């Protein structure tokens, strides 16, 4: 490549790259007409989620949480609020939301309560709870005890969802 007259090769490449980036269309943001799932926001129940996304029920059924971790979570006596934030526009939620629902169901511990919020692309929902908890990526699972945050899992767990949930609970003891 010959540099532009009077410009070093590096500058010519940088200018060329900038021109190409301006001419190529950016990836289309996920809008209701091109999202993998219908755009929803607000508090949802497990039943509403499965009614809206029936394929997630199948995904949940296929997931098997680790038995030893489920047993540990069943023994937790302190009331803990699990708050799940997800975006129907985010492909990552296709696996993670069904898994967290399956884990919650498998644990069956009355000490745990589950709240589920669908957020928009700005990570907001109607009640303002997502903003209050400073949610900026999805899926995010926040564990609260008496209103105090114990920890969170953001986007992908470090180990598995159930192992990370238990690690957060165990660390707070």
C-alpha atoms as a PDB file:
ATOM      1  CA  UNK A   1       0.000   0.000   0.000  1.00  0.00           C
ATOM      2  CA  UNK A   2       1.395   3.358  -0.958  1.00  0.00           C
ATOM      3  CA  UNK A   3       0.931   6.081   1.627  1.00  0.00           C
ATOM      4  CA  UNK A   4      -1.183   9.085   0.833  1.00  0.00           C
ATOM      5  CA  UNK A   5       0.961  11.841  -0.560  1.00  0.00           C
ATOM      6  CA  UNK A   6       2.917  13.398   2.270  1.00  0.00           C
ATOM      7  CA  UNK A   7       1.538  11.004   4.955  1.00  0.00           C
ATOM      8  CA  UNK A   8       3.300   8.050   6.560  1.00  0.00           C
ATOM      9  CA  UNK A   9       1.903   4.572   5.876  1.00  0.00           C
ATOM     10  CA  UNK A  10       0.451   4.221   9.431  1.00  0.00           C
ATOM     11  CA  UNK A  11      -1.601   7.422   9.066  1.00  0.00           C
ATOM     12  CA  UNK A  12      -2.878   6.279   5.669  1.00  0.00           C
ATOM     13  CA  UNK A  13      -4.061   2.979   7.152  1.00  0.00           C
ATOM     14  CA  UNK A  14      -5.717   4.728  10.102  1.00  0.00           C
ATOM     15  CA  UNK A  15      -7.575   7.130   7.790  1.00  0.00           C
ATOM     16  CA  UNK A  16      -8.611   4.262   5.503  1.00  0.00           C
ATOM     17  CA  UNK A  17      -9.920   2.264   8.451  1.00  0.00           C
ATOM     18  CA  UNK A  18     -11.895   5.259   9.692  1.00  0.00           C
ATOM     19  CA  UNK A  19     -13.456   5.827   6.244  1.00  0.00           C
ATOM     20  CA  UNK A  20     -14.441   2.160   5.927  1.00  0.00           C
ATOM     21  CA  UNK A  21     -15.995   2.170   9.414  1.00  0.00           C
ATOM     22  CA  UNK A  22     -18.053   5.222   8.515  1.00  0.00           C
ATOM     23  CA  UNK A  23     -19.297   3.669   5.283  1.00  0.00           C
ATOM     24  CA  UNK A  24     -20.224   0.246   6.659  1.00  0.00           C
ATOM     25  CA  UNK A  25     -23.514   0.047   8.540  1.00  0.00           C
ATOM     26  CA  UNK A  26     -23.182  -0.650  12.229  1.00  0.00           C
ATOM     27  CA  UNK A  27     -24.724  -3.804  13.599  1.00  0.00           C
ATOM     28  CA  UNK A  28     -28.434  -3.160  13.915  1.00  0.00           C
ATOM     29  CA  UNK A  29     -29.478  -2.666  17.525  1.00  0.00           C
ATOM     30  CA  UNK A  30     -31.960  -5.212  18.719  1.00  0.00           C
ATOM     31  CA  UNK A  31     -35.353  -3.680  18.148  1.00  0.00           C
ATOM     32  CA  UNK A  32     -38.718  -5.384  18.533  1.00  0.00           C
ATOM     33  CA  UNK A  33     -38.689  -6.377  14.856  1.00  0.00           C
ATOM     34  CA  UNK A  34     -35.258  -8.072  14.939  1.00  0.00           C
ATOM     35  CA  UNK A  35     -34.974  -9.352  18.520  1.00  0.00           C
ATOM     36  CA  UNK A  36     -34.693 -13.085  19.060  1.00  0.00           C
ATOM     37  CA  UNK A  37     -37.549 -12.796  21.577  1.00  0.00           C
ATOM     38  CA  UNK A  38     -40.435 -10.371  22.089  1.00  0.00           C
ATOM     39  CA  UNK A  39     -39.350  -7.255  24.002  1.00  0.00           C
ATOM     40  CA  UNK A  40     -40.851  -7.315  27.508  1.00  0.00           C
ATOM     41  CA  UNK A  41     -40.175  -5.273  30.627  1.00  0.00           C
ATOM     42  CA  UNK A  42     -41.350  -5.359  34.215  1.00  0.00           C
ATOM     43  CA  UNK A  43     -41.845  -7.883  36.964  1.00  0.00           C
ATOM     44  CA  UNK A  44     -42.707 -11.364  35.744  1.00  0.00           C
ATOM     45  CA  UNK A  45     -43.610 -14.692  37.292  1.00  0.00           C
ATOM     46  CA  UNK A  46     -42.240 -18.074  36.316  1.00  0.00           C
ATOM     47  CA  UNK A  47     -45.643 -18.924  34.831  1.00  0.00           C
ATOM     48  CA  UNK A  48     -45.653 -15.753  32.702  1.00  0.00           C
ATOM     49  CA  UNK A  49     -42.161 -16.514  31.467  1.00  0.00           C
ATOM     50  CA  UNK A  50     -43.065 -20.065  30.460  1.00  0.00           C
ATOM     51  CA  UNK A  51     -46.274 -18.880  28.808  1.00  0.00           C
ATOM     52  CA  UNK A  52     -44.343 -16.229  26.838  1.00  0.00           C
ATOM     53  CA  UNK A  53     -41.332 -18.463  26.090  1.00  0.00           C
ATOM     54  CA  UNK A  54     -42.544 -22.083  26.148  1.00  0.00           C
ATOM     55  CA  UNK A  55     -39.222 -23.364  24.789  1.00  0.00           C
ATOM     56  CA  UNK A  56     -37.588 -22.252  28.044  1.00  0.00           C
ATOM     57  CA  UNK A  57     -39.630 -24.851  29.937  1.00  0.00           C
ATOM     58  CA  UNK A  58     -38.016 -27.548  27.778  1.00  0.00           C
ATOM     59  CA  UNK A  59     -34.567 -26.061  28.381  1.00  0.00           C
ATOM     60  CA  UNK A  60     -35.211 -25.995  32.131  1.00  0.00           C
ATOM     61  CA  UNK A  61     -36.348 -29.629  32.036  1.00  0.00           C
ATOM     62  CA  UNK A  62     -33.120 -30.643  30.260  1.00  0.00           C
ATOM     63  CA  UNK A  63     -30.894 -28.920  32.839  1.00  0.00           C
ATOM     64  CA  UNK A  64     -29.716 -30.948  35.810  1.00  0.00           C
ATOM     65  CA  UNK A  65     -28.287 -28.877  38.657  1.00  0.00           C
ATOM     66  CA  UNK A  66     -25.546 -30.484  40.707  1.00  0.00           C
ATOM     67  CA  UNK A  67     -27.186 -32.581  43.447  1.00  0.00           C
ATOM     68  CA  UNK A  68     -24.626 -31.859  46.167  1.00  0.00           C
ATOM     69  CA  UNK A  69     -25.042 -28.103  45.684  1.00  0.00           C
ATOM     70  CA  UNK A  70     -28.841 -28.353  45.611  1.00  0.00           C
ATOM     71  CA  UNK A  71     -28.702 -30.238  48.936  1.00  0.00           C
ATOM     72  CA  UNK A  72     -26.535 -27.489  50.449  1.00  0.00           C
ATOM     73  CA  UNK A  73     -28.929 -24.785  49.229  1.00  0.00           C
ATOM     74  CA  UNK A  74     -31.879 -26.693  50.736  1.00  0.00           C
ATOM     75  CA  UNK A  75     -30.249 -26.416  54.187  1.00  0.00           C
ATOM     76  CA  UNK A  76     -30.033 -22.613  54.131  1.00  0.00           C
ATOM     77  CA  UNK A  77     -32.327 -21.307  56.876  1.00  0.00           C
ATOM     78  CA  UNK A  78     -31.872 -17.549  56.532  1.00  0.00           C
ATOM     79  CA  UNK A  79     -34.422 -15.820  54.273  1.00  0.00           C
ATOM     80  CA  UNK A  80     -32.697 -14.774  51.053  1.00  0.00           C
ATOM     81  CA  UNK A  81     -34.232 -12.888  48.185  1.00  0.00           C
ATOM     82  CA  UNK A  82     -32.976 -13.918  44.743  1.00  0.00           C
ATOM     83  CA  UNK A  83     -33.593 -11.225  42.141  1.00  0.00           C
ATOM     84  CA  UNK A  84     -33.132 -12.126  38.496  1.00  0.00           C
ATOM     85  CA  UNK A  85     -32.808  -9.406  35.854  1.00  0.00           C
ATOM     86  CA  UNK A  86     -32.878 -10.368  32.202  1.00  0.00           C
ATOM     87  CA  UNK A  87     -33.547  -8.862  28.800  1.00  0.00           C
ATOM     88  CA  UNK A  88     -35.685 -10.703  26.295  1.00  0.00           C
ATOM     89  CA  UNK A  89     -33.478  -9.064  23.657  1.00  0.00           C
ATOM     90  CA  UNK A  90     -30.326 -10.760  25.019  1.00  0.00           C
ATOM     91  CA  UNK A  91     -29.408 -14.173  23.618  1.00  0.00           C
ATOM     92  CA  UNK A  92     -27.536 -15.171  26.807  1.00  0.00           C
ATOM     93  CA  UNK A  93     -30.808 -15.430  28.706  1.00  0.00           C
ATOM     94  CA  UNK A  94     -32.012 -18.323  26.538  1.00  0.00           C
ATOM     95  CA  UNK A  95     -30.005 -20.752  28.666  1.00  0.00           C
ATOM     96  CA  UNK A  96     -29.466 -18.890  31.919  1.00  0.00           C
ATOM     97  CA  UNK A  97     -33.063 -17.988  32.788  1.00  0.00           C
ATOM     98  CA  UNK A  98     -34.351 -21.559  32.367  1.00  0.00           C
ATOM     99  CA  UNK A  99     -31.416 -22.821  34.451  1.00  0.00           C
ATOM    100  CA  UNK A 100     -32.024 -20.415  37.330  1.00  0.00           C
ATOM    101  CA  UNK A 101     -35.735 -21.308  37.293  1.00  0.00           C
ATOM    102  CA  UNK A 102     -34.846 -25.014  37.389  1.00  0.00           C
ATOM    103  CA  UNK A 103     -32.386 -24.480  40.257  1.00  0.00           C
ATOM    104  CA  UNK A 104     -34.964 -22.517  42.254  1.00  0.00           C
ATOM    105  CA  UNK A 105     -37.534 -25.262  41.672  1.00  0.00           C
ATOM    106  CA  UNK A 106     -35.090 -28.094  42.489  1.00  0.00           C
ATOM    107  CA  UNK A 107     -33.961 -26.436  45.729  1.00  0.00           C
ATOM    108  CA  UNK A 108     -37.550 -25.877  46.876  1.00  0.00           C
ATOM    109  CA  UNK A 109     -36.385 -23.989  49.960  1.00  0.00           C
ATOM    110  CA  UNK A 110     -39.022 -21.663  51.446  1.00  0.00           C
ATOM    111  CA  UNK A 111     -36.187 -19.474  52.788  1.00  0.00           C
ATOM    112  CA  UNK A 112     -35.516 -18.380  49.202  1.00  0.00           C
ATOM    113  CA  UNK A 113     -37.842 -16.049  47.360  1.00  0.00           C
ATOM    114  CA  UNK A 114     -37.447 -15.320  43.665  1.00  0.00           C
ATOM    115  CA  UNK A 115     -38.267 -12.051  41.952  1.00  0.00           C
ATOM    116  CA  UNK A 116     -37.882 -11.800  38.188  1.00  0.00           C
ATOM    117  CA  UNK A 117     -37.595  -8.567  36.212  1.00  0.00           C
ATOM    118  CA  UNK A 118     -37.348  -8.148  32.458  1.00  0.00           C
ATOM    119  CA  UNK A 119     -35.410  -5.007  31.521  1.00  0.00           C
ATOM    120  CA  UNK A 120     -35.119  -2.973  28.343  1.00  0.00           C
ATOM    121  CA  UNK A 121     -31.885  -2.404  26.425  1.00  0.00           C
ATOM    122  CA  UNK A 122     -30.978   0.412  28.835  1.00  0.00           C
ATOM    123  CA  UNK A 123     -31.344  -2.106  31.699  1.00  0.00           C
ATOM    124  CA  UNK A 124     -34.410  -0.398  33.115  1.00  0.00           C
ATOM    125  CA  UNK A 125     -37.879  -1.576  34.029  1.00  0.00           C
ATOM    126  CA  UNK A 126     -41.017   0.124  35.267  1.00  0.00           C
ATOM    127  CA  UNK A 127     -40.469  -0.077  39.032  1.00  0.00           C
ATOM    128  CA  UNK A 128     -36.947   1.390  38.997  1.00  0.00           C
ATOM    129  CA  UNK A 129     -35.572  -1.582  40.979  1.00  0.00           C
ATOM    130  CA  UNK A 130     -32.988  -2.379  38.274  1.00  0.00           C
ATOM    131  CA  UNK A 131     -31.682   1.181  38.434  1.00  0.00           C
ATOM    132  CA  UNK A 132     -31.628   1.093  42.237  1.00  0.00           C
ATOM    133  CA  UNK A 133     -29.467  -2.049  42.111  1.00  0.00           C
ATOM    134  CA  UNK A 134     -27.339  -0.580  39.301  1.00  0.00           C
ATOM    135  CA  UNK A 135     -28.007  -3.344  36.805  1.00  0.00           C
ATOM    136  CA  UNK A 136     -25.924  -2.731  33.699  1.00  0.00           C
ATOM    137  CA  UNK A 137     -25.601  -6.208  32.162  1.00  0.00           C
ATOM    138  CA  UNK A 138     -27.924  -9.158  31.820  1.00  0.00           C
ATOM    139  CA  UNK A 139     -28.604 -11.683  32.972  1.00  0.00           C
ATOM    140  CA  UNK A 140     -27.803 -10.585  36.512  1.00  0.00           C
ATOM    141  CA  UNK A 141     -28.785 -12.491  39.642  1.00  0.00           C
ATOM    142  CA  UNK A 142     -28.637 -10.493  42.878  1.00  0.00           C
ATOM    143  CA  UNK A 143     -28.889 -12.120  46.306  1.00  0.00           C
ATOM    144  CA  UNK A 144     -30.296  -9.966  49.097  1.00  0.00           C
ATOM    145  CA  UNK A 145     -30.636 -10.647  52.805  1.00  0.00           C
ATOM    146  CA  UNK A 146     -32.772  -8.163  54.684  1.00  0.00           C
ATOM    147  CA  UNK A 147     -32.387  -5.715  51.800  1.00  0.00           C
ATOM    148  CA  UNK A 148     -28.569  -5.926  51.926  1.00  0.00           C
ATOM    149  CA  UNK A 149     -26.779  -7.262  48.860  1.00  0.00           C
ATOM    150  CA  UNK A 150     -24.810 -10.441  49.533  1.00  0.00           C
ATOM    151  CA  UNK A 151     -23.462 -10.765  46.006  1.00  0.00           C
ATOM    152  CA  UNK A 152     -24.372 -11.120  42.369  1.00  0.00           C
ATOM    153  CA  UNK A 153     -23.776 -13.206  39.299  1.00  0.00           C
ATOM    154  CA  UNK A 154     -23.376 -11.039  36.209  1.00  0.00           C
ATOM    155  CA  UNK A 155     -23.815 -12.539  32.728  1.00  0.00           C
ATOM    156  CA  UNK A 156     -21.975 -15.844  33.198  1.00  0.00           C
ATOM    157  CA  UNK A 157     -21.260 -17.745  36.402  1.00  0.00           C
ATOM    158  CA  UNK A 158     -17.663 -18.472  37.399  1.00  0.00           C
ATOM    159  CA  UNK A 159     -18.469 -22.145  38.002  1.00  0.00           C
ATOM    160  CA  UNK A 160     -22.133 -23.031  37.553  1.00  0.00           C
ATOM    161  CA  UNK A 161     -25.168 -20.987  38.551  1.00  0.00           C
ATOM    162  CA  UNK A 162     -25.959 -23.203  41.522  1.00  0.00           C
ATOM    163  CA  UNK A 163     -22.317 -23.305  42.689  1.00  0.00           C
ATOM    164  CA  UNK A 164     -22.001 -19.532  42.437  1.00  0.00           C
ATOM    165  CA  UNK A 165     -25.314 -19.052  44.282  1.00  0.00           C
ATOM    166  CA  UNK A 166     -24.126 -21.290  47.092  1.00  0.00           C
ATOM    167  CA  UNK A 167     -20.706 -19.621  47.204  1.00  0.00           C
ATOM    168  CA  UNK A 168     -22.372 -16.227  47.699  1.00  0.00           C
ATOM    169  CA  UNK A 169     -24.629 -17.594  50.460  1.00  0.00           C
ATOM    170  CA  UNK A 170     -21.796 -19.478  52.184  1.00  0.00           C
ATOM    171  CA  UNK A 171     -19.469 -16.475  52.028  1.00  0.00           C
ATOM    172  CA  UNK A 172     -22.040 -14.324  53.812  1.00  0.00           C
ATOM    173  CA  UNK A 173     -22.242 -16.692  56.814  1.00  0.00           C
END
